[in-house]
Structure formats: C-alpha cells, structure tokens
Amino acid sequence: MKRVLPLVVLLSACGQVPELQYGQSAGMQALADPASQIKAEMQQAVSQLTTLSGQVTYTEVDLQGQSDTTVASFETDIAHRWIRAHVDQSDKPHAQGADMLSLDNGQVTVKVHVAFFPITKTFPETDPQVCSARGYTLLQTDFVAMVDEIEAPQATLTYLGQQSVLGHTVDLLDVSPSGLPDCAHEHVGLDPSTHLPLLREAFSKASGGQQDVFDASLGNPVLNPQLPADTWQL
C-alpha cells in the first residue's frame, strides 16, 4: 500500500475563561490583549464540543518541494479522540477513496478497494505509509494538536486581525512555536462566531519562517452530531 495522507479532523480541550484583573472590564481586556481573549473564547467553545463532522482540505509541500492536496469527509468523537475519514479527492491516486480510522491507540487502520475487493490493514501511527509527506503523524496534525499548541504554556500568541484566509473570514493568530517539528510558527484562524479553529498554516524553519508548507482548512462543520456506534469500525 502506498502512502495515505493523514487528516486534520479532531479537537479536544477544556478550560476556563481567565479572571479579569481588578477594575478591568472584558472589553478593556480584549483591547489590551486580544489574543488572550480569543484564546479564552476558544477554550470555552471547545469545552462544549463532544463530536464534530465536516470536510477538511489538506495541502502540504514535501521535502522535495512538491505540493499535493487531499479533501476528506470526516467524523470525530472528541472525548475519545477518535477519527474516521473518507478521502474524497487526492492528488495521489492510491489515496482516492480510502477510509481511515484512528482510535487513539497508536495505530491507524486503512481500508482501500483493489479491483473492487476491500483490503484493510492496520499500521503503527508512525509508519511512513500513514504519515504525511513531511513525516507528520496524525496526532501532530489533528484538531486537538492545533488547540493544544494555542494552549501551550510556552506559546506566544499575536493577534493579526480579522482576515480572509483559505476561503474563511477568521480571527487570525500567529502562534510560536509551531506544533510541527520542522516549522517555526503558524497562523491559526478561528471562526468569529463559534470561536472554534477552522484553519492552520505552518511556516518552515528552513525558510526562516517564511515558506508556508502545511495548510489545513475545515469546511461545512457540524457541531455535536449524533454518531452511531458502527462509525468506529472498518
């Protein structure tokens, strides 16, 4: 089986809105530190999320400078950090139509059809066949990882304003360091209405933080859908 690209499809985090300093209003705090306010709103929104479905578009530049894109439909159980995805479109023909299942147990199960016959195989999550073109694992590129890097104690967050990025109007944060090992920093966009992350752009260390080498963009999200038990079987 050839490489199957991982998907960015799951988030899970919780937290409380930080207490305001004595004498400050919420509006004043937002003006003083909008990045912290956006982070707090995200934490509150994520704490109310149990499941998520939608479609993700994933684009990556490999170490040889080649770019490829995958579009996949997905369902996630956030409490368990379970992911199921179907590859709708891919620049890699072997990935087209593949189903992927991750139950947060160090493995990724993939099902493909060869001459109309289904073939299912389980790989370690670090196997190159289920890592991305740059060697990222699923847990480095899922939605939990994106939330975690914003919440990381060492993270420096800078608000870049409300912008249109990858087809979304978002509150854009610069996050440093990146959650990806060979990237210097990221731009993470959050929906101004739901306060949930919709996209990320990661910039490589090799380019001095200038080259965008990894993008993920969430479309048509459905919050807290009912997912049947057989979702988690291939």
C-alpha atoms as a PDB file:
ATOM      1  CA  MET A   1       0.000   0.000   0.000  1.00  0.00           C
ATOM      2  CA  LYS A   2       1.270   3.475  -0.874  1.00  0.00           C
ATOM      3  CA  ARG A   3       1.292   6.453   1.444  1.00  0.00           C
ATOM      4  CA  VAL A   4      -2.070   7.700   2.681  1.00  0.00           C
ATOM      5  CA  LEU A   5      -2.083  11.282   3.923  1.00  0.00           C
ATOM      6  CA  PRO A   6      -3.311  11.924   7.477  1.00  0.00           C
ATOM      7  CA  LEU A   7      -6.161  14.275   8.164  1.00  0.00           C
ATOM      8  CA  VAL A   8      -6.656  17.177  10.433  1.00  0.00           C
ATOM      9  CA  VAL A   9     -10.011  16.398  11.900  1.00  0.00           C
ATOM     10  CA  LEU A  10     -10.305  16.291  15.685  1.00  0.00           C
ATOM     11  CA  LEU A  11     -10.108  18.647  18.619  1.00  0.00           C
ATOM     12  CA  SER A  12     -10.406  18.299  22.342  1.00  0.00           C
ATOM     13  CA  ALA A  13      -9.535  20.762  25.077  1.00  0.00           C
ATOM     14  CA  CYS A  14     -11.156  22.449  28.006  1.00  0.00           C
ATOM     15  CA  GLY A  15     -10.541  25.431  30.187  1.00  0.00           C
ATOM     16  CA  GLN A  16     -11.981  28.378  31.990  1.00  0.00           C
ATOM     17  CA  VAL A  17     -12.075  32.000  30.928  1.00  0.00           C
ATOM     18  CA  PRO A  18      -9.281  33.722  32.878  1.00  0.00           C
ATOM     19  CA  GLU A  19     -10.332  36.075  35.665  1.00  0.00           C
ATOM     20  CA  LEU A  20     -10.082  39.747  34.796  1.00  0.00           C
ATOM     21  CA  GLN A  21      -7.710  41.951  36.707  1.00  0.00           C
ATOM     22  CA  TYR A  22      -9.386  44.116  39.338  1.00  0.00           C
ATOM     23  CA  GLY A  23     -11.047  47.122  37.769  1.00  0.00           C
ATOM     24  CA  GLN A  24     -10.860  45.867  34.146  1.00  0.00           C
ATOM     25  CA  SER A  25     -13.897  45.176  32.009  1.00  0.00           C
ATOM     26  CA  ALA A  26     -13.974  42.336  29.476  1.00  0.00           C
ATOM     27  CA  GLY A  27     -13.935  44.920  26.677  1.00  0.00           C
ATOM     28  CA  MET A  28     -10.877  46.675  28.098  1.00  0.00           C
ATOM     29  CA  GLN A  29      -9.033  43.372  28.484  1.00  0.00           C
ATOM     30  CA  ALA A  30      -9.840  42.424  24.889  1.00  0.00           C
ATOM     31  CA  LEU A  31      -8.407  45.736  23.693  1.00  0.00           C
ATOM     32  CA  ALA A  32      -5.285  45.284  25.835  1.00  0.00           C
ATOM     33  CA  ASP A  33      -4.665  41.666  24.823  1.00  0.00           C
ATOM     34  CA  PRO A  34      -6.999  40.433  22.065  1.00  0.00           C
ATOM     35  CA  ALA A  35      -5.014  37.200  21.587  1.00  0.00           C
ATOM     36  CA  SER A  36      -5.677  36.159  25.188  1.00  0.00           C
ATOM     37  CA  GLN A  37      -9.363  36.969  24.801  1.00  0.00           C
ATOM     38  CA  ILE A  38      -9.600  34.887  21.610  1.00  0.00           C
ATOM     39  CA  LYS A  39      -7.828  32.006  23.355  1.00  0.00           C
ATOM     40  CA  ALA A  40     -10.294  32.166  26.271  1.00  0.00           C
ATOM     41  CA  GLU A  41     -13.277  32.195  23.902  1.00  0.00           C
ATOM     42  CA  MET A  42     -11.825  29.180  22.085  1.00  0.00           C
ATOM     43  CA  GLN A  43     -11.385  27.253  25.337  1.00  0.00           C
ATOM     44  CA  GLN A  44     -14.989  27.928  26.317  1.00  0.00           C
ATOM     45  CA  ALA A  45     -16.277  26.833  22.889  1.00  0.00           C
ATOM     46  CA  VAL A  46     -14.186  23.647  22.798  1.00  0.00           C
ATOM     47  CA  SER A  47     -15.330  22.666  26.298  1.00  0.00           C
ATOM     48  CA  GLN A  48     -18.897  22.415  24.915  1.00  0.00           C
ATOM     49  CA  LEU A  49     -17.939  20.284  21.904  1.00  0.00           C
ATOM     50  CA  THR A  50     -18.336  16.490  22.043  1.00  0.00           C
ATOM     51  CA  THR A  51     -18.398  15.437  18.371  1.00  0.00           C
ATOM     52  CA  LEU A  52     -17.607  17.090  15.067  1.00  0.00           C
ATOM     53  CA  SER A  53     -18.064  16.284  11.384  1.00  0.00           C
ATOM     54  CA  GLY A  54     -17.376  18.061   8.109  1.00  0.00           C
ATOM     55  CA  GLN A  55     -14.851  18.140   5.316  1.00  0.00           C
ATOM     56  CA  VAL A  56     -11.172  19.011   5.537  1.00  0.00           C
ATOM     57  CA  THR A  57      -8.859  20.235   2.785  1.00  0.00           C
ATOM     58  CA  TYR A  58      -5.234  19.456   3.447  1.00  0.00           C
ATOM     59  CA  THR A  59      -2.283  20.792   1.400  1.00  0.00           C
ATOM     60  CA  GLU A  60       1.390  20.095   2.055  1.00  0.00           C
ATOM     61  CA  VAL A  61       4.734  20.810   0.405  1.00  0.00           C
ATOM     62  CA  ASP A  62       7.047  17.804   0.716  1.00  0.00           C
ATOM     63  CA  LEU A  63      10.805  17.944   1.293  1.00  0.00           C
ATOM     64  CA  GLN A  64      11.408  17.922  -2.478  1.00  0.00           C
ATOM     65  CA  GLY A  65       9.184  20.963  -2.963  1.00  0.00           C
ATOM     66  CA  GLN A  66       6.224  19.109  -4.477  1.00  0.00           C
ATOM     67  CA  SER A  67       2.729  20.144  -3.336  1.00  0.00           C
ATOM     68  CA  ASP A  68      -0.278  17.864  -3.023  1.00  0.00           C
ATOM     69  CA  THR A  69      -3.821  18.286  -1.761  1.00  0.00           C
ATOM     70  CA  THR A  70      -6.337  15.920  -0.183  1.00  0.00           C
ATOM     71  CA  VAL A  71     -10.026  16.561   0.533  1.00  0.00           C
ATOM     72  CA  ALA A  72     -11.728  14.235   3.002  1.00  0.00           C
ATOM     73  CA  SER A  73     -15.045  13.878   4.803  1.00  0.00           C
ATOM     74  CA  PHE A  74     -14.754  13.053   8.486  1.00  0.00           C
ATOM     75  CA  GLU A  75     -16.469  12.306  11.788  1.00  0.00           C
ATOM     76  CA  THR A  76     -14.800  12.662  15.184  1.00  0.00           C
ATOM     77  CA  ASP A  77     -15.563  11.744  18.776  1.00  0.00           C
ATOM     78  CA  ILE A  78     -13.730  14.403  20.708  1.00  0.00           C
ATOM     79  CA  ALA A  79     -13.987  12.845  24.171  1.00  0.00           C
ATOM     80  CA  HIS A  80     -12.164   9.711  22.955  1.00  0.00           C
ATOM     81  CA  ARG A  81     -10.117  11.454  20.246  1.00  0.00           C
ATOM     82  CA  TRP A  82     -11.445   9.033  17.630  1.00  0.00           C
ATOM     83  CA  ILE A  83     -11.357   9.899  13.926  1.00  0.00           C
ATOM     84  CA  ARG A  84     -12.967   8.346  10.859  1.00  0.00           C
ATOM     85  CA  ALA A  85     -12.343   9.840   7.436  1.00  0.00           C
ATOM     86  CA  HIS A  86     -13.040   9.104   3.771  1.00  0.00           C
ATOM     87  CA  VAL A  87     -10.704  10.535   1.130  1.00  0.00           C
ATOM     88  CA  ASP A  88     -12.965  12.254  -1.408  1.00  0.00           C
ATOM     89  CA  GLN A  89     -10.234  13.750  -3.586  1.00  0.00           C
ATOM     90  CA  SER A  90      -6.471  13.426  -3.682  1.00  0.00           C
ATOM     91  CA  ASP A  91      -3.554  14.322  -5.914  1.00  0.00           C
ATOM     92  CA  LYS A  92      -2.247  10.823  -5.115  1.00  0.00           C
ATOM     93  CA  PRO A  93      -4.406   8.256  -6.990  1.00  0.00           C
ATOM     94  CA  HIS A  94      -3.735   5.478  -4.457  1.00  0.00           C
ATOM     95  CA  ALA A  95      -5.301   7.605  -1.703  1.00  0.00           C
ATOM     96  CA  GLN A  96      -8.543   8.323  -3.565  1.00  0.00           C
ATOM     97  CA  GLY A  97     -11.478   6.530  -1.916  1.00  0.00           C
ATOM     98  CA  ALA A  98      -9.513   5.287   1.084  1.00  0.00           C
ATOM     99  CA  ASP A  99     -11.135   5.069   4.519  1.00  0.00           C
ATOM    100  CA  MET A 100      -9.089   5.762   7.647  1.00  0.00           C
ATOM    101  CA  LEU A 101      -9.820   5.046  11.291  1.00  0.00           C
ATOM    102  CA  SER A 102      -7.857   6.163  14.350  1.00  0.00           C
ATOM    103  CA  LEU A 103      -8.937   5.183  17.864  1.00  0.00           C
ATOM    104  CA  ASP A 104      -6.070   6.976  19.641  1.00  0.00           C
ATOM    105  CA  ASN A 105      -4.322   3.681  20.372  1.00  0.00           C
ATOM    106  CA  GLY A 106      -1.083   4.250  18.498  1.00  0.00           C
ATOM    107  CA  GLN A 107      -2.474   2.756  15.282  1.00  0.00           C
ATOM    108  CA  VAL A 108      -4.208   3.831  12.085  1.00  0.00           C
ATOM    109  CA  THR A 109      -6.423   1.407  10.145  1.00  0.00           C
ATOM    110  CA  VAL A 110      -6.823   1.954   6.404  1.00  0.00           C
ATOM    111  CA  LYS A 111      -9.300   0.329   4.010  1.00  0.00           C
ATOM    112  CA  VAL A 112      -8.900   0.570   0.242  1.00  0.00           C
ATOM    113  CA  HIS A 113     -10.556  -1.205  -2.678  1.00  0.00           C
ATOM    114  CA  VAL A 114      -8.379  -3.035  -5.175  1.00  0.00           C
ATOM    115  CA  ALA A 115     -10.263  -4.327  -8.221  1.00  0.00           C
ATOM    116  CA  PHE A 116     -13.491  -3.837  -6.214  1.00  0.00           C
ATOM    117  CA  PHE A 117     -12.190  -6.003  -3.348  1.00  0.00           C
ATOM    118  CA  PRO A 118     -11.782  -4.308   0.059  1.00  0.00           C
ATOM    119  CA  ILE A 119      -8.376  -4.587   1.704  1.00  0.00           C
ATOM    120  CA  THR A 120      -7.958  -3.471   5.315  1.00  0.00           C
ATOM    121  CA  LYS A 121      -4.635  -3.082   7.090  1.00  0.00           C
ATOM    122  CA  THR A 122      -3.559  -1.541  10.410  1.00  0.00           C
ATOM    123  CA  PHE A 123      -0.304   0.406  10.720  1.00  0.00           C
ATOM    124  CA  PRO A 124       1.618   1.958  13.629  1.00  0.00           C
ATOM    125  CA  GLU A 125       0.753   5.656  13.619  1.00  0.00           C
ATOM    126  CA  THR A 126       4.417   6.482  12.876  1.00  0.00           C
ATOM    127  CA  ASP A 127       4.563   4.229   9.791  1.00  0.00           C
ATOM    128  CA  PRO A 128       5.545   6.316   6.725  1.00  0.00           C
ATOM    129  CA  GLN A 129       2.544   4.898   4.855  1.00  0.00           C
ATOM    130  CA  VAL A 130       0.155   6.731   7.199  1.00  0.00           C
ATOM    131  CA  CYS A 131       2.323   9.763   7.934  1.00  0.00           C
ATOM    132  CA  SER A 132       2.176  12.890   5.821  1.00  0.00           C
ATOM    133  CA  ALA A 133       4.560  13.838   3.019  1.00  0.00           C
ATOM    134  CA  ARG A 134       6.790  15.620   5.548  1.00  0.00           C
ATOM    135  CA  GLY A 135       6.571  12.768   8.060  1.00  0.00           C
ATOM    136  CA  TYR A 136       3.939  14.294  10.364  1.00  0.00           C
ATOM    137  CA  THR A 137       1.800  11.859  12.344  1.00  0.00           C
ATOM    138  CA  LEU A 138      -1.957  12.085  12.704  1.00  0.00           C
ATOM    139  CA  LEU A 139      -1.674  13.312  16.289  1.00  0.00           C
ATOM    140  CA  GLN A 140       0.641  16.116  15.168  1.00  0.00           C
ATOM    141  CA  THR A 141      -1.826  17.310  12.555  1.00  0.00           C
ATOM    142  CA  ASP A 142      -5.294  16.774  14.047  1.00  0.00           C
ATOM    143  CA  PHE A 143      -7.506  19.467  15.533  1.00  0.00           C
ATOM    144  CA  VAL A 144      -6.506  18.583  19.099  1.00  0.00           C
ATOM    145  CA  ALA A 145      -2.915  19.379  18.184  1.00  0.00           C
ATOM    146  CA  MET A 146      -3.974  22.774  16.842  1.00  0.00           C
ATOM    147  CA  VAL A 147      -5.861  23.618  20.029  1.00  0.00           C
ATOM    148  CA  ASP A 148      -3.020  22.287  22.185  1.00  0.00           C
ATOM    149  CA  GLU A 149      -0.412  24.489  20.530  1.00  0.00           C
ATOM    150  CA  ILE A 150      -2.527  27.581  21.252  1.00  0.00           C
ATOM    151  CA  GLU A 151      -2.866  26.497  24.884  1.00  0.00           C
ATOM    152  CA  ALA A 152       0.786  25.501  25.333  1.00  0.00           C
ATOM    153  CA  PRO A 153       2.435  27.386  28.232  1.00  0.00           C
ATOM    154  CA  GLN A 154       5.414  28.300  26.036  1.00  0.00           C
ATOM    155  CA  ALA A 155       3.276  29.619  23.168  1.00  0.00           C
ATOM    156  CA  THR A 156       3.497  33.259  22.143  1.00  0.00           C
ATOM    157  CA  LEU A 157       0.207  34.418  20.604  1.00  0.00           C
ATOM    158  CA  THR A 158      -0.118  37.522  18.456  1.00  0.00           C
ATOM    159  CA  TYR A 159      -3.450  38.730  17.084  1.00  0.00           C
ATOM    160  CA  LEU A 160      -3.165  39.519  13.362  1.00  0.00           C
ATOM    161  CA  GLY A 161      -6.696  40.892  12.971  1.00  0.00           C
ATOM    162  CA  GLN A 162      -9.782  39.590  11.217  1.00  0.00           C
ATOM    163  CA  GLN A 163      -8.721  38.368   7.783  1.00  0.00           C
ATOM    164  CA  SER A 164      -9.863  36.223   4.847  1.00  0.00           C
ATOM    165  CA  VAL A 165      -7.607  33.145   4.685  1.00  0.00           C
ATOM    166  CA  LEU A 166      -8.113  29.922   2.673  1.00  0.00           C
ATOM    167  CA  GLY A 167     -11.683  30.961   1.926  1.00  0.00           C
ATOM    168  CA  HIS A 168     -12.629  31.724   5.538  1.00  0.00           C
ATOM    169  CA  THR A 169     -13.087  35.012   7.388  1.00  0.00           C
ATOM    170  CA  VAL A 170     -11.305  34.373  10.682  1.00  0.00           C
ATOM    171  CA  ASP A 171      -9.749  35.913  13.745  1.00  0.00           C
ATOM    172  CA  LEU A 172      -6.119  35.146  12.882  1.00  0.00           C
ATOM    173  CA  LEU A 173      -3.470  34.315  15.465  1.00  0.00           C
ATOM    174  CA  ASP A 174       0.254  33.907  14.945  1.00  0.00           C
ATOM    175  CA  VAL A 175       1.382  31.020  17.168  1.00  0.00           C
ATOM    176  CA  SER A 176       5.040  30.462  18.038  1.00  0.00           C
ATOM    177  CA  PRO A 177       6.487  27.891  18.305  1.00  0.00           C
ATOM    178  CA  SER A 178       4.692  25.674  15.803  1.00  0.00           C
ATOM    179  CA  GLY A 179       3.237  22.343  16.830  1.00  0.00           C
ATOM    180  CA  LEU A 180       5.072  20.750  13.888  1.00  0.00           C
ATOM    181  CA  PRO A 181       8.730  19.824  14.441  1.00  0.00           C
ATOM    182  CA  ASP A 182      10.248  21.429  11.328  1.00  0.00           C
ATOM    183  CA  CYS A 183       8.110  24.583  11.375  1.00  0.00           C
ATOM    184  CA  ALA A 184       8.913  27.854  13.125  1.00  0.00           C
ATOM    185  CA  HIS A 185       5.438  29.303  13.646  1.00  0.00           C
ATOM    186  CA  GLU A 186       1.841  29.012  12.474  1.00  0.00           C
ATOM    187  CA  HIS A 187      -1.162  31.112  11.591  1.00  0.00           C
ATOM    188  CA  VAL A 188      -4.323  29.693  13.158  1.00  0.00           C
ATOM    189  CA  GLY A 189      -7.730  31.057  12.150  1.00  0.00           C
ATOM    190  CA  LEU A 190     -10.754  30.907  14.451  1.00  0.00           C
ATOM    191  CA  ASP A 191     -14.380  31.393  13.447  1.00  0.00           C
ATOM    192  CA  PRO A 192     -15.529  34.786  14.818  1.00  0.00           C
ATOM    193  CA  SER A 193     -18.975  33.315  15.606  1.00  0.00           C
ATOM    194  CA  THR A 194     -18.215  29.871  17.066  1.00  0.00           C
ATOM    195  CA  HIS A 195     -14.677  30.736  18.265  1.00  0.00           C
ATOM    196  CA  LEU A 196     -13.505  27.314  17.038  1.00  0.00           C
ATOM    197  CA  PRO A 197     -10.363  26.829  14.919  1.00  0.00           C
ATOM    198  CA  LEU A 198     -11.093  26.500  11.201  1.00  0.00           C
ATOM    199  CA  LEU A 199      -7.638  26.531   9.623  1.00  0.00           C
ATOM    200  CA  ARG A 200      -3.905  26.490  10.139  1.00  0.00           C
ATOM    201  CA  GLU A 201      -0.887  27.491   8.057  1.00  0.00           C
ATOM    202  CA  ALA A 202       2.575  26.313   9.156  1.00  0.00           C
ATOM    203  CA  PHE A 203       5.821  28.014   8.056  1.00  0.00           C
ATOM    204  CA  SER A 204       9.081  26.064   7.793  1.00  0.00           C
ATOM    205  CA  LYS A 205      12.188  26.671   9.890  1.00  0.00           C
ATOM    206  CA  ALA A 206      14.350  26.063   6.804  1.00  0.00           C
ATOM    207  CA  SER A 207      12.907  29.180   5.153  1.00  0.00           C
ATOM    208  CA  GLY A 208      13.342  31.304   8.257  1.00  0.00           C
ATOM    209  CA  GLY A 209       9.627  31.027   8.931  1.00  0.00           C
ATOM    210  CA  GLN A 210       8.652  32.464   5.532  1.00  0.00           C
ATOM    211  CA  GLN A 211       7.505  29.450   3.471  1.00  0.00           C
ATOM    212  CA  ASP A 212       4.022  28.033   4.082  1.00  0.00           C
ATOM    213  CA  VAL A 213       4.468  24.243   3.878  1.00  0.00           C
ATOM    214  CA  PHE A 214       1.317  22.912   5.547  1.00  0.00           C
ATOM    215  CA  ASP A 215      -2.309  24.073   5.308  1.00  0.00           C
ATOM    216  CA  ALA A 216      -5.497  22.575   6.703  1.00  0.00           C
ATOM    217  CA  SER A 217      -8.946  24.113   6.251  1.00  0.00           C
ATOM    218  CA  LEU A 218     -12.237  22.871   7.699  1.00  0.00           C
ATOM    219  CA  GLY A 219     -15.443  23.221   5.683  1.00  0.00           C
ATOM    220  CA  ASN A 220     -19.118  22.575   6.427  1.00  0.00           C
ATOM    221  CA  PRO A 221     -18.582  21.784  10.106  1.00  0.00           C
ATOM    222  CA  VAL A 222     -21.426  20.193  12.050  1.00  0.00           C
ATOM    223  CA  LEU A 223     -21.094  20.626  15.805  1.00  0.00           C
ATOM    224  CA  ASN A 224     -22.082  17.753  18.118  1.00  0.00           C
ATOM    225  CA  PRO A 225     -23.635  15.405  15.514  1.00  0.00           C
ATOM    226  CA  GLN A 226     -25.015  12.051  16.679  1.00  0.00           C
ATOM    227  CA  LEU A 227     -22.547   9.360  15.576  1.00  0.00           C
ATOM    228  CA  PRO A 228     -23.681   5.694  15.512  1.00  0.00           C
ATOM    229  CA  ALA A 229     -21.531   3.016  17.156  1.00  0.00           C
ATOM    230  CA  ASP A 230     -20.559   1.435  13.826  1.00  0.00           C
ATOM    231  CA  THR A 231     -18.807   4.684  12.864  1.00  0.00           C
ATOM    232  CA  TRP A 232     -15.807   3.302  14.739  1.00  0.00           C
ATOM    233  CA  GLN A 233     -15.472   0.081  12.737  1.00  0.00           C
ATOM    234  CA  LEU A 234     -13.947  -0.525   9.301  1.00  0.00           C
END
